[in-house]
Amino acid sequence: MNQTLKKAIREVEALPEDEQEELGRALLDMALRKKIDARLEAAVKRGGATPHDEFFAELRARYGG
């Protein structure tokens, strides 16, 4: 794990539970967006061969949302 992320986790652990929950949800959302962006980029590189509705259905099934 990246040192910056480790430091951030230590800082978050010192916060009250409700604030930890809020930050945890935000981090999960960011991570999922990164995964989706990577999949979209891969689709563009292969020429967009997958119809967008199928692609987003697959992403929702895999990552939630």
Protein backbone atom coordinates (compact mmCIF):
# COMPACT_ATOMS: atom_id res chain seq x y z
CA MET A 1 0.00 0.00 0.00
CA ASN A 2 1.16 3.50 -0.83
CA GLN A 3 2.68 5.47 2.09
CA THR A 4 0.34 8.40 1.52
CA LEU A 5 -2.68 6.12 1.74
CA LYS A 6 -1.32 4.49 4.91
CA LYS A 7 -0.85 7.93 6.49
CA ALA A 8 -4.37 8.96 5.48
CA ILE A 9 -5.81 5.81 7.04
CA ARG A 10 -4.00 6.50 10.31
CA GLU A 11 -5.44 10.02 10.32
CA VAL A 12 -8.95 8.76 9.59
CA GLU A 13 -8.71 6.18 12.38
CA ALA A 14 -8.35 9.04 14.85
CA LEU A 15 -11.68 10.56 13.79
CA PRO A 16 -15.10 9.80 15.26
CA GLU A 17 -16.89 6.75 13.83
CA ASP A 18 -19.45 8.75 11.80
CA GLU A 19 -16.71 10.77 10.11
CA GLN A 20 -14.78 7.58 9.38
CA GLU A 21 -17.90 6.16 7.74
CA GLU A 22 -18.34 9.26 5.59
CA LEU A 23 -14.73 9.24 4.44
CA GLY A 24 -14.81 5.49 3.84
CA ARG A 25 -17.83 5.83 1.56
CA ALA A 26 -16.17 8.68 -0.33
CA LEU A 27 -13.00 6.63 -0.82
CA LEU A 28 -14.99 3.64 -2.07
CA ASP A 29 -16.83 5.88 -4.53
CA MET A 30 -13.53 7.25 -5.81
CA ALA A 31 -12.06 3.74 -6.17
CA LEU A 32 -15.10 2.54 -8.12
CA ARG A 33 -14.92 5.58 -10.41
CA LYS A 34 -11.25 4.79 -11.09
CA LYS A 35 -12.17 1.21 -12.04
CA ILE A 36 -14.96 2.42 -14.29
CA ASP A 37 -12.71 5.00 -15.94
CA ALA A 38 -10.11 2.30 -16.62
CA ARG A 39 -12.75 0.05 -18.19
CA LEU A 40 -14.04 2.92 -20.32
CA GLU A 41 -10.52 3.70 -21.49
CA ALA A 42 -9.99 0.04 -22.40
CA ALA A 43 -13.26 0.04 -24.36
CA VAL A 44 -12.19 3.13 -26.29
CA LYS A 45 -8.84 1.51 -27.10
CA ARG A 46 -10.58 -1.54 -28.53
CA GLY A 47 -12.78 0.70 -30.64
CA GLY A 48 -15.87 0.79 -28.46
CA ALA A 49 -16.86 -2.69 -29.60
CA THR A 50 -19.22 -3.22 -26.66
CA PRO A 51 -22.54 -1.32 -26.78
CA HIS A 52 -22.68 1.23 -23.99
CA ASP A 53 -25.80 -0.20 -22.36
CA GLU A 54 -24.19 -3.65 -22.09
CA PHE A 55 -20.97 -2.14 -20.82
CA PHE A 56 -22.64 -0.11 -18.06
CA ALA A 57 -24.85 -3.05 -17.06
CA GLU A 58 -21.71 -5.13 -16.66
CA LEU A 59 -20.05 -2.41 -14.57
CA ARG A 60 -23.09 -2.02 -12.33
CA ALA A 61 -23.26 -5.77 -11.80
CA ARG A 62 -19.58 -6.00 -11.02
CA TYR A 63 -19.01 -2.85 -8.94
CA GLY A 64 -22.46 -1.85 -7.73
CA GLY A 65 -24.31 1.34 -8.42
